[in-house]
Amino acid sequence: PNCLPLQFLSYLGACDRLLKQGYEEGQVEEAMEMFQYSEKKAAEFLRLLAQFNDMGFQQNEIKEVLLLCGNQRERALEELVMK
Protein backbone atom coordinates (compact mmCIF):
# COMPACT_ATOMS: atom_id res chain seq x y z
CA PRO A 1 0.00 0.00 0.00
CA ASN A 2 2.92 2.40 0.52
CA CYS A 3 4.19 2.01 -3.07
CA LEU A 4 1.42 3.91 -4.79
CA PRO A 5 1.97 7.28 -3.07
CA LEU A 6 5.71 7.04 -3.70
CA GLN A 7 5.16 6.23 -7.38
CA PHE A 8 2.68 9.08 -7.63
CA LEU A 9 5.10 11.53 -6.00
CA SER A 10 7.83 10.35 -8.35
CA TYR A 11 5.48 10.88 -11.31
CA LEU A 12 4.56 14.38 -10.11
CA GLY A 13 8.22 15.25 -9.61
CA ALA A 14 9.07 14.07 -13.13
CA CYS A 15 6.16 16.05 -14.61
CA ASP A 16 7.21 19.13 -12.66
CA ARG A 17 10.80 18.91 -13.95
CA LEU A 18 9.58 18.52 -17.54
CA LEU A 19 7.14 21.43 -17.17
CA LYS A 20 9.99 23.60 -15.88
CA GLN A 21 11.82 22.86 -19.15
CA GLY A 22 8.99 24.65 -20.93
CA TYR A 23 6.91 21.75 -22.23
CA GLU A 24 3.10 21.96 -22.21
CA GLU A 25 1.27 20.08 -19.47
CA GLY A 26 -0.83 17.98 -21.86
CA GLN A 27 2.25 16.92 -23.81
CA VAL A 28 4.15 16.05 -20.63
CA GLU A 29 1.31 13.88 -19.33
CA GLU A 30 0.88 12.17 -22.70
CA ALA A 31 4.62 11.49 -23.04
CA MET A 32 4.84 10.10 -19.51
CA GLU A 33 1.95 7.72 -20.23
CA MET A 34 3.35 6.65 -23.60
CA PHE A 35 6.67 5.67 -22.02
CA GLN A 36 5.30 3.98 -18.90
CA TYR A 37 6.31 6.94 -16.73
CA SER A 38 9.97 6.87 -17.73
CA GLU A 39 11.07 10.47 -17.27
CA LYS A 40 14.18 9.93 -19.37
CA LYS A 41 12.28 8.54 -22.38
CA ALA A 42 9.51 11.12 -22.04
CA ALA A 43 12.08 13.94 -21.91
CA GLU A 44 13.82 12.66 -25.04
CA PHE A 45 10.49 12.32 -26.83
CA LEU A 46 9.47 15.88 -25.91
CA ARG A 47 12.86 17.25 -26.96
CA LEU A 48 12.67 15.56 -30.36
CA LEU A 49 9.01 16.50 -30.78
CA ALA A 50 9.88 20.18 -30.29
CA GLN A 51 12.92 19.90 -32.57
CA PHE A 52 11.00 18.29 -35.44
CA ASN A 53 8.09 20.66 -34.87
CA ASP A 54 10.49 23.58 -35.36
CA MET A 55 11.56 21.99 -38.65
CA GLY A 56 7.96 22.25 -39.83
CA PHE A 57 6.79 18.64 -39.54
CA GLN A 58 3.21 17.88 -38.41
CA GLN A 59 2.92 17.04 -34.71
CA ASN A 60 0.75 13.92 -35.20
CA GLU A 61 3.23 12.53 -37.75
CA ILE A 62 6.17 13.29 -35.45
CA LYS A 63 4.55 11.44 -32.54
CA GLU A 64 3.79 8.40 -34.69
CA VAL A 65 7.31 8.24 -36.13
CA LEU A 66 9.03 8.76 -32.77
CA LEU A 67 7.01 5.92 -31.26
CA LEU A 68 7.78 3.61 -34.19
CA CYS A 69 11.47 4.50 -34.10
CA GLY A 70 11.81 4.39 -30.32
CA ASN A 71 12.99 8.00 -30.10
CA GLN A 72 15.93 7.36 -32.45
CA ARG A 73 16.50 10.81 -33.93
CA GLU A 74 18.18 9.87 -37.22
CA ARG A 75 15.72 7.10 -38.05
CA ALA A 76 12.77 9.31 -37.15
CA LEU A 77 14.09 12.14 -39.30
CA GLU A 78 14.50 9.80 -42.28
CA GLU A 79 10.92 8.57 -41.84
CA LEU A 80 9.55 12.11 -41.60
CA VAL A 81 11.42 13.26 -44.69
CA MET A 82 10.12 10.27 -46.67
CA LYS A 83 6.46 10.99 -45.75
PDB file of N, CA and C in Angstrom:
ATOM      1  N   PRO A   1       0.810  -1.212   0.000  1.00  0.00           N
ATOM      2  CA  PRO A   1       0.000   0.000   0.000  1.00  0.00           C
ATOM      3  C   PRO A   1       0.852   1.274   0.000  1.00  0.00           C
ATOM      4  N   ASN A   2       2.081   1.202   0.483  1.00  0.00           N
ATOM      5  CA  ASN A   2       2.920   2.403   0.519  1.00  0.00           C
ATOM      6  C   ASN A   2       3.549   2.735  -0.827  1.00  0.00           C
ATOM      7  N   CYS A   3       3.549   1.787  -1.771  1.00  0.00           N
ATOM      8  CA  CYS A   3       4.193   2.012  -3.067  1.00  0.00           C
ATOM      9  C   CYS A   3       3.488   3.075  -3.885  1.00  0.00           C
ATOM     10  N   LEU A   4       2.172   3.016  -3.918  1.00  0.00           N
ATOM     11  CA  LEU A   4       1.422   3.913  -4.787  1.00  0.00           C
ATOM     12  C   LEU A   4       1.724   5.387  -4.524  1.00  0.00           C
ATOM     13  N   PRO A   5       1.661   5.855  -3.283  1.00  0.00           N
ATOM     14  CA  PRO A   5       1.967   7.277  -3.071  1.00  0.00           C
ATOM     15  C   PRO A   5       3.383   7.642  -3.504  1.00  0.00           C
ATOM     16  N   LEU A   6       4.340   6.755  -3.282  1.00  0.00           N
ATOM     17  CA  LEU A   6       5.714   7.041  -3.702  1.00  0.00           C
ATOM     18  C   LEU A   6       5.807   7.127  -5.215  1.00  0.00           C
ATOM     19  N   GLN A   7       5.160   6.205  -5.913  1.00  0.00           N
ATOM     20  CA  GLN A   7       5.160   6.235  -7.378  1.00  0.00           C
ATOM     21  C   GLN A   7       4.493   7.509  -7.873  1.00  0.00           C
ATOM     22  N   PHE A   8       3.414   7.887  -7.214  1.00  0.00           N
ATOM     23  CA  PHE A   8       2.680   9.077  -7.626  1.00  0.00           C
ATOM     24  C   PHE A   8       3.539  10.326  -7.409  1.00  0.00           C
ATOM     25  N   LEU A   9       4.222  10.382  -6.275  1.00  0.00           N
ATOM     26  CA  LEU A   9       5.103  11.531  -6.001  1.00  0.00           C
ATOM     27  C   LEU A   9       6.246  11.584  -7.004  1.00  0.00           C
ATOM     28  N   SER A  10       6.768  10.431  -7.360  1.00  0.00           N
ATOM     29  CA  SER A  10       7.832  10.349  -8.347  1.00  0.00           C
ATOM     30  C   SER A  10       7.334  10.852  -9.700  1.00  0.00           C
ATOM     31  N   TYR A  11       6.112  10.441 -10.060  1.00  0.00           N
ATOM     32  CA  TYR A  11       5.480  10.878 -11.307  1.00  0.00           C
ATOM     33  C   TYR A  11       5.296  12.397 -11.308  1.00  0.00           C
ATOM     34  N   LEU A  12       4.780  12.925 -10.200  1.00  0.00           N
ATOM     35  CA  LEU A  12       4.563  14.378 -10.109  1.00  0.00           C
ATOM     36  C   LEU A  12       5.880  15.137 -10.201  1.00  0.00           C
ATOM     37  N   GLY A  13       6.904  14.611  -9.561  1.00  0.00           N
ATOM     38  CA  GLY A  13       8.223  15.246  -9.612  1.00  0.00           C
ATOM     39  C   GLY A  13       8.765  15.272 -11.029  1.00  0.00           C
ATOM     40  N   ALA A  14       8.612  14.152 -11.738  1.00  0.00           N
ATOM     41  CA  ALA A  14       9.075  14.065 -13.129  1.00  0.00           C
ATOM     42  C   ALA A  14       8.303  15.064 -13.991  1.00  0.00           C
ATOM     43  N   CYS A  15       6.987  15.106 -13.839  1.00  0.00           N
ATOM     44  CA  CYS A  15       6.160  16.046 -14.609  1.00  0.00           C
ATOM     45  C   CYS A  15       6.585  17.482 -14.318  1.00  0.00           C
ATOM     46  N   ASP A  16       6.813  17.772 -13.056  1.00  0.00           N
ATOM     47  CA  ASP A  16       7.209  19.125 -12.657  1.00  0.00           C
ATOM     48  C   ASP A  16       8.530  19.518 -13.318  1.00  0.00           C
ATOM     49  N   ARG A  17       9.501  18.612 -13.327  1.00  0.00           N
ATOM     50  CA  ARG A  17      10.799  18.905 -13.951  1.00  0.00           C
ATOM     51  C   ARG A  17      10.644  19.154 -15.450  1.00  0.00           C
ATOM     52  N   LEU A  18       9.798  18.349 -16.102  1.00  0.00           N
ATOM     53  CA  LEU A  18       9.577  18.522 -17.542  1.00  0.00           C
ATOM     54  C   LEU A  18       8.831  19.828 -17.838  1.00  0.00           C
ATOM     55  N   LEU A  19       7.874  20.176 -16.990  1.00  0.00           N
ATOM     56  CA  LEU A  19       7.140  21.435 -17.166  1.00  0.00           C
ATOM     57  C   LEU A  19       8.080  22.626 -17.025  1.00  0.00           C
ATOM     58  N   LYS A  20       9.022  22.519 -16.101  1.00  0.00           N
ATOM     59  CA  LYS A  20       9.991  23.605 -15.884  1.00  0.00           C
ATOM     60  C   LYS A  20      10.923  23.781 -17.082  1.00  0.00           C
ATOM     61  N   GLN A  21      11.016  22.749 -17.926  1.00  0.00           N
ATOM     62  CA  GLN A  21      11.822  22.861 -19.146  1.00  0.00           C
ATOM     63  C   GLN A  21      11.036  23.533 -20.267  1.00  0.00           C
ATOM     64  N   GLY A  22       9.772  23.884 -19.975  1.00  0.00           N
ATOM     65  CA  GLY A  22       8.985  24.651 -20.927  1.00  0.00           C
ATOM     66  C   GLY A  22       8.012  23.853 -21.769  1.00  0.00           C
ATOM     67  N   TYR A  23       7.857  22.557 -21.464  1.00  0.00           N
ATOM     68  CA  TYR A  23       6.909  21.751 -22.231  1.00  0.00           C
ATOM     69  C   TYR A  23       5.490  21.968 -21.719  1.00  0.00           C
ATOM     70  N   GLU A  24       4.503  21.774 -22.596  1.00  0.00           N
ATOM     71  CA  GLU A  24       3.105  21.955 -22.213  1.00  0.00           C
ATOM     72  C   GLU A  24       2.639  20.782 -21.352  1.00  0.00           C
ATOM     73  N   GLU A  25       1.736  21.090 -20.420  1.00  0.00           N
ATOM     74  CA  GLU A  25       1.266  20.081 -19.467  1.00  0.00           C
ATOM     75  C   GLU A  25       0.656  18.859 -20.160  1.00  0.00           C
ATOM     76  N   GLY A  26      -0.188  19.095 -21.154  1.00  0.00           N
ATOM     77  CA  GLY A  26      -0.826  17.982 -21.863  1.00  0.00           C
ATOM     78  C   GLY A  26       0.187  17.078 -22.534  1.00  0.00           C
ATOM     79  N   GLN A  27       1.205  17.697 -23.137  1.00  0.00           N
ATOM     80  CA  GLN A  27       2.255  16.918 -23.812  1.00  0.00           C
ATOM     81  C   GLN A  27       3.081  16.123 -22.812  1.00  0.00           C
ATOM     82  N   VAL A  28       3.372  16.735 -21.672  1.00  0.00           N
ATOM     83  CA  VAL A  28       4.152  16.049 -20.627  1.00  0.00           C
ATOM     84  C   VAL A  28       3.396  14.827 -20.139  1.00  0.00           C
ATOM     85  N   GLU A  29       2.113  14.993 -19.831  1.00  0.00           N
ATOM     86  CA  GLU A  29       1.311  13.875 -19.328  1.00  0.00           C
ATOM     87  C   GLU A  29       1.211  12.765 -20.369  1.00  0.00           C
ATOM     88  N   GLU A  30       0.992  13.156 -21.623  1.00  0.00           N
ATOM     89  CA  GLU A  30       0.883  12.171 -22.703  1.00  0.00           C
ATOM     90  C   GLU A  30       2.194  11.398 -22.875  1.00  0.00           C
ATOM     91  N   ALA A  31       3.311  12.125 -22.877  1.00  0.00           N
ATOM     92  CA  ALA A  31       4.623  11.490 -23.042  1.00  0.00           C
ATOM     93  C   ALA A  31       4.920  10.542 -21.882  1.00  0.00           C
ATOM     94  N   MET A  32       4.594  10.956 -20.672  1.00  0.00           N
ATOM     95  CA  MET A  32       4.840  10.098 -19.505  1.00  0.00           C
ATOM     96  C   MET A  32       4.022   8.803 -19.608  1.00  0.00           C
ATOM     97  N   GLU A  33       2.787   8.918 -20.066  1.00  0.00           N
ATOM     98  CA  GLU A  33       1.949   7.718 -20.227  1.00  0.00           C
ATOM     99  C   GLU A  33       2.476   6.821 -21.338  1.00  0.00           C
ATOM    100  N   MET A  34       2.875   7.426 -22.455  1.00  0.00           N
ATOM    101  CA  MET A  34       3.353   6.653 -23.605  1.00  0.00           C
ATOM    102  C   MET A  34       4.590   5.834 -23.258  1.00  0.00           C
ATOM    103  N   PHE A  35       5.409   6.356 -22.367  1.00  0.00           N
ATOM    104  CA  PHE A  35       6.665   5.671 -22.024  1.00  0.00           C
ATOM    105  C   PHE A  35       6.643   5.089 -20.620  1.00  0.00           C
ATOM    106  N   GLN A  36       5.472   4.622 -20.213  1.00  0.00           N
ATOM    107  CA  GLN A  36       5.303   3.976 -18.902  1.00  0.00           C
ATOM    108  C   GLN A  36       5.994   4.749 -17.778  1.00  0.00           C
ATOM    109  N   TYR A  37       5.824   6.046 -17.797  1.00  0.00           N
ATOM    110  CA  TYR A  37       6.308   6.936 -16.729  1.00  0.00           C
ATOM    111  C   TYR A  37       7.821   6.981 -16.607  1.00  0.00           C
ATOM    112  N   SER A  38       8.522   6.712 -17.703  1.00  0.00           N
ATOM    113  CA  SER A  38       9.970   6.867 -17.726  1.00  0.00           C
ATOM    114  C   SER A  38      10.279   8.333 -18.052  1.00  0.00           C
ATOM    115  N   GLU A  39      10.775   9.046 -17.070  1.00  0.00           N
ATOM    116  CA  GLU A  39      11.066  10.468 -17.267  1.00  0.00           C
ATOM    117  C   GLU A  39      12.105  10.671 -18.364  1.00  0.00           C
ATOM    118  N   LYS A  40      13.103   9.799 -18.391  1.00  0.00           N
ATOM    119  CA  LYS A  40      14.183   9.927 -19.369  1.00  0.00           C
ATOM    120  C   LYS A  40      13.640   9.793 -20.798  1.00  0.00           C
ATOM    121  N   LYS A  41      12.835   8.758 -21.038  1.00  0.00           N
ATOM    122  CA  LYS A  41      12.279   8.539 -22.379  1.00  0.00           C
ATOM    123  C   LYS A  41      11.285   9.638 -22.756  1.00  0.00           C
ATOM    124  N   ALA A  42      10.479  10.052 -21.782  1.00  0.00           N
ATOM    125  CA  ALA A  42       9.505  11.121 -22.038  1.00  0.00           C
ATOM    126  C   ALA A  42      10.229  12.424 -22.382  1.00  0.00           C
ATOM    127  N   ALA A  43      11.308  12.715 -21.665  1.00  0.00           N
ATOM    128  CA  ALA A  43      12.075  13.945 -21.905  1.00  0.00           C
ATOM    129  C   ALA A  43      12.688  13.925 -23.302  1.00  0.00           C
ATOM    130  N   GLU A  44      13.227  12.780 -23.708  1.00  0.00           N
ATOM    131  CA  GLU A  44      13.825  12.660 -25.038  1.00  0.00           C
ATOM    132  C   GLU A  44      12.751  12.825 -26.116  1.00  0.00           C
ATOM    133  N   PHE A  45      11.601  12.202 -25.897  1.00  0.00           N
ATOM    134  CA  PHE A  45      10.485  12.315 -26.832  1.00  0.00           C
ATOM    135  C   PHE A  45      10.064  13.781 -26.991  1.00  0.00           C
ATOM    136  N   LEU A  46       9.902  14.482 -25.871  1.00  0.00           N
ATOM    137  CA  LEU A  46       9.465  15.884 -25.906  1.00  0.00           C
ATOM    138  C   LEU A  46      10.506  16.766 -26.596  1.00  0.00           C
ATOM    139  N   ARG A  47      11.772  16.475 -26.346  1.00  0.00           N
ATOM    140  CA  ARG A  47      12.862  17.254 -26.960  1.00  0.00           C
ATOM    141  C   ARG A  47      12.828  17.080 -28.483  1.00  0.00           C
ATOM    142  N   LEU A  48      12.704  15.834 -28.927  1.00  0.00           N
ATOM    143  CA  LEU A  48      12.673  15.556 -30.364  1.00  0.00           C
ATOM    144  C   LEU A  48      11.394  16.091 -31.005  1.00  0.00           C
ATOM    145  N   LEU A  49      10.284  15.982 -30.287  1.00  0.00           N
ATOM    146  CA  LEU A  49       9.013  16.502 -30.785  1.00  0.00           C
ATOM    147  C   LEU A  49       9.130  18.000 -31.069  1.00  0.00           C
ATOM    148  N   ALA A  50       9.707  18.735 -30.123  1.00  0.00           N
ATOM    149  CA  ALA A  50       9.878  20.180 -30.286  1.00  0.00           C
ATOM    150  C   ALA A  50      10.833  20.482 -31.442  1.00  0.00           C
ATOM    151  N   GLN A  51      11.919  19.709 -31.526  1.00  0.00           N
ATOM    152  CA  GLN A  51      12.920  19.903 -32.572  1.00  0.00           C
ATOM    153  C   GLN A  51      12.315  19.696 -33.970  1.00  0.00           C
ATOM    154  N   PHE A  52      11.600  18.587 -34.138  1.00  0.00           N
ATOM    155  CA  PHE A  52      11.000  18.285 -35.439  1.00  0.00           C
ATOM    156  C   PHE A  52       9.850  19.247 -35.754  1.00  0.00           C
ATOM    157  N   ASN A  53       9.157  19.677 -34.714  1.00  0.00           N
ATOM    158  CA  ASN A  53       8.087  20.664 -34.867  1.00  0.00           C
ATOM    159  C   ASN A  53       8.666  21.965 -35.430  1.00  0.00           C
ATOM    160  N   ASP A  54       9.805  22.368 -34.896  1.00  0.00           N
ATOM    161  CA  ASP A  54      10.489  23.585 -35.356  1.00  0.00           C
ATOM    162  C   ASP A  54      10.930  23.460 -36.815  1.00  0.00           C
ATOM    163  N   MET A  55      11.156  22.222 -37.260  1.00  0.00           N
ATOM    164  CA  MET A  55      11.556  21.989 -38.654  1.00  0.00           C
ATOM    165  C   MET A  55      10.357  22.031 -39.591  1.00  0.00           C
ATOM    166  N   GLY A  56       9.154  22.120 -39.014  1.00  0.00           N
ATOM    167  CA  GLY A  56       7.957  22.254 -39.834  1.00  0.00           C
ATOM    168  C   GLY A  56       7.169  20.981 -40.069  1.00  0.00           C
ATOM    169  N   PHE A  57       7.545  19.884 -39.381  1.00  0.00           N
ATOM    170  CA  PHE A  57       6.788  18.640 -39.537  1.00  0.00           C
ATOM    171  C   PHE A  57       5.506  18.707 -38.711  1.00  0.00           C
ATOM    172  N   GLN A  58       4.502  17.925 -39.113  1.00  0.00           N
ATOM    173  CA  GLN A  58       3.214  17.877 -38.407  1.00  0.00           C
ATOM    174  C   GLN A  58       3.356  17.088 -37.109  1.00  0.00           C
ATOM    175  N   GLN A  59       2.771  17.641 -36.033  1.00  0.00           N
ATOM    176  CA  GLN A  59       2.916  17.036 -34.709  1.00  0.00           C
ATOM    177  C   GLN A  59       2.419  15.593 -34.642  1.00  0.00           C
ATOM    178  N   ASN A  60       1.265  15.299 -35.272  1.00  0.00           N
ATOM    179  CA  ASN A  60       0.753  13.920 -35.195  1.00  0.00           C
ATOM    180  C   ASN A  60       1.681  12.943 -35.918  1.00  0.00           C
ATOM    181  N   GLU A  61       2.271  13.387 -37.037  1.00  0.00           N
ATOM    182  CA  GLU A  61       3.232  12.533 -37.754  1.00  0.00           C
ATOM    183  C   GLU A  61       4.498  12.334 -36.923  1.00  0.00           C
ATOM    184  N   ILE A  62       4.948  13.384 -36.275  1.00  0.00           N
ATOM    185  CA  ILE A  62       6.166  13.295 -35.449  1.00  0.00           C
ATOM    186  C   ILE A  62       5.954  12.270 -34.343  1.00  0.00           C
ATOM    187  N   LYS A  63       4.837  12.367 -33.644  1.00  0.00           N
ATOM    188  CA  LYS A  63       4.549  11.437 -32.539  1.00  0.00           C
ATOM    189  C   LYS A  63       4.573   9.996 -33.019  1.00  0.00           C
ATOM    190  N   GLU A  64       3.878   9.753 -34.136  1.00  0.00           N
ATOM    191  CA  GLU A  64       3.785   8.404 -34.690  1.00  0.00           C
ATOM    192  C   GLU A  64       5.174   7.857 -35.017  1.00  0.00           C
ATOM    193  N   VAL A  65       5.979   8.667 -35.704  1.00  0.00           N
ATOM    194  CA  VAL A  65       7.312   8.239 -36.133  1.00  0.00           C
ATOM    195  C   VAL A  65       8.234   8.023 -34.933  1.00  0.00           C
ATOM    196  N   LEU A  66       8.175   8.915 -33.952  1.00  0.00           N
ATOM    197  CA  LEU A  66       9.030   8.757 -32.771  1.00  0.00           C
ATOM    198  C   LEU A  66       8.689   7.474 -32.011  1.00  0.00           C
ATOM    199  N   LEU A  67       7.410   7.161 -31.924  1.00  0.00           N
ATOM    200  CA  LEU A  67       7.011   5.919 -31.261  1.00  0.00           C
ATOM    201  C   LEU A  67       7.513   4.707 -32.036  1.00  0.00           C
ATOM    202  N   LEU A  68       7.331   4.733 -33.351  1.00  0.00           N
ATOM    203  CA  LEU A  68       7.780   3.613 -34.193  1.00  0.00           C
ATOM    204  C   LEU A  68       9.290   3.435 -34.126  1.00  0.00           C
ATOM    205  N   CYS A  69      10.007   4.543 -34.069  1.00  0.00           N
ATOM    206  CA  CYS A  69      11.474   4.497 -34.095  1.00  0.00           C
ATOM    207  C   CYS A  69      12.093   4.473 -32.699  1.00  0.00           C
ATOM    208  N   GLY A  70      11.275   4.429 -31.678  1.00  0.00           N
ATOM    209  CA  GLY A  70      11.806   4.386 -30.319  1.00  0.00           C
ATOM    210  C   GLY A  70      12.691   5.566 -29.975  1.00  0.00           C
ATOM    211  N   ASN A  71      12.262   6.759 -30.401  1.00  0.00           N
ATOM    212  CA  ASN A  71      12.989   8.000 -30.099  1.00  0.00           C
ATOM    213  C   ASN A  71      14.374   8.072 -30.742  1.00  0.00           C
ATOM    214  N   GLN A  72      14.628   7.286 -31.779  1.00  0.00           N
ATOM    215  CA  GLN A  72      15.927   7.360 -32.453  1.00  0.00           C
ATOM    216  C   GLN A  72      15.872   8.498 -33.459  1.00  0.00           C
ATOM    217  N   ARG A  73      16.597   9.569 -33.178  1.00  0.00           N
ATOM    218  CA  ARG A  73      16.498  10.811 -33.932  1.00  0.00           C
ATOM    219  C   ARG A  73      16.734  10.631 -35.433  1.00  0.00           C
ATOM    220  N   GLU A  74      17.837   9.986 -35.793  1.00  0.00           N
ATOM    221  CA  GLU A  74      18.183   9.866 -37.219  1.00  0.00           C
ATOM    222  C   GLU A  74      17.138   9.060 -37.989  1.00  0.00           C
ATOM    223  N   ARG A  75      16.725   7.945 -37.395  1.00  0.00           N
ATOM    224  CA  ARG A  75      15.721   7.096 -38.048  1.00  0.00           C
ATOM    225  C   ARG A  75      14.403   7.835 -38.188  1.00  0.00           C
ATOM    226  N   ALA A  76      14.016   8.549 -37.130  1.00  0.00           N
ATOM    227  CA  ALA A  76      12.767   9.305 -37.149  1.00  0.00           C
ATOM    228  C   ALA A  76      12.808  10.391 -38.210  1.00  0.00           C
ATOM    229  N   LEU A  77      13.943  11.070 -38.311  1.00  0.00           N
ATOM    230  CA  LEU A  77      14.088  12.144 -39.302  1.00  0.00           C
ATOM    231  C   LEU A  77      13.962  11.578 -40.712  1.00  0.00           C
ATOM    232  N   GLU A  78      14.599  10.449 -40.962  1.00  0.00           N
ATOM    233  CA  GLU A  78      14.497   9.797 -42.283  1.00  0.00           C
ATOM    234  C   GLU A  78      13.037   9.486 -42.610  1.00  0.00           C
ATOM    235  N   GLU A  79      12.328   8.918 -41.644  1.00  0.00           N
ATOM    236  CA  GLU A  79      10.920   8.571 -41.844  1.00  0.00           C
ATOM    237  C   GLU A  79      10.079   9.816 -42.146  1.00  0.00           C
ATOM    238  N   LEU A  80      10.326  10.879 -41.408  1.00  0.00           N
ATOM    239  CA  LEU A  80       9.547  12.112 -41.596  1.00  0.00           C
ATOM    240  C   LEU A  80       9.820  12.722 -42.977  1.00  0.00           C
ATOM    241  N   VAL A  81      11.065  12.692 -43.401  1.00  0.00           N
ATOM    242  CA  VAL A  81      11.423  13.260 -44.694  1.00  0.00           C
ATOM    243  C   VAL A  81      10.785  12.453 -45.812  1.00  0.00           C
ATOM    244  N   MET A  82      10.684  11.137 -45.627  1.00  0.00           N
ATOM    245  CA  MET A  82      10.120  10.265 -46.668  1.00  0.00           C
ATOM    246  C   MET A  82       8.600  10.389 -46.770  1.00  0.00           C
ATOM    247  N   LYS A  83       7.946  10.883 -45.735  1.00  0.00           N
ATOM    248  CA  LYS A  83       6.462  10.989 -45.753  1.00  0.00           C
ATOM    249  C   LYS A  83       5.998  12.047 -46.730  1.00  0.00           C
TER     250      LYS A  83
END
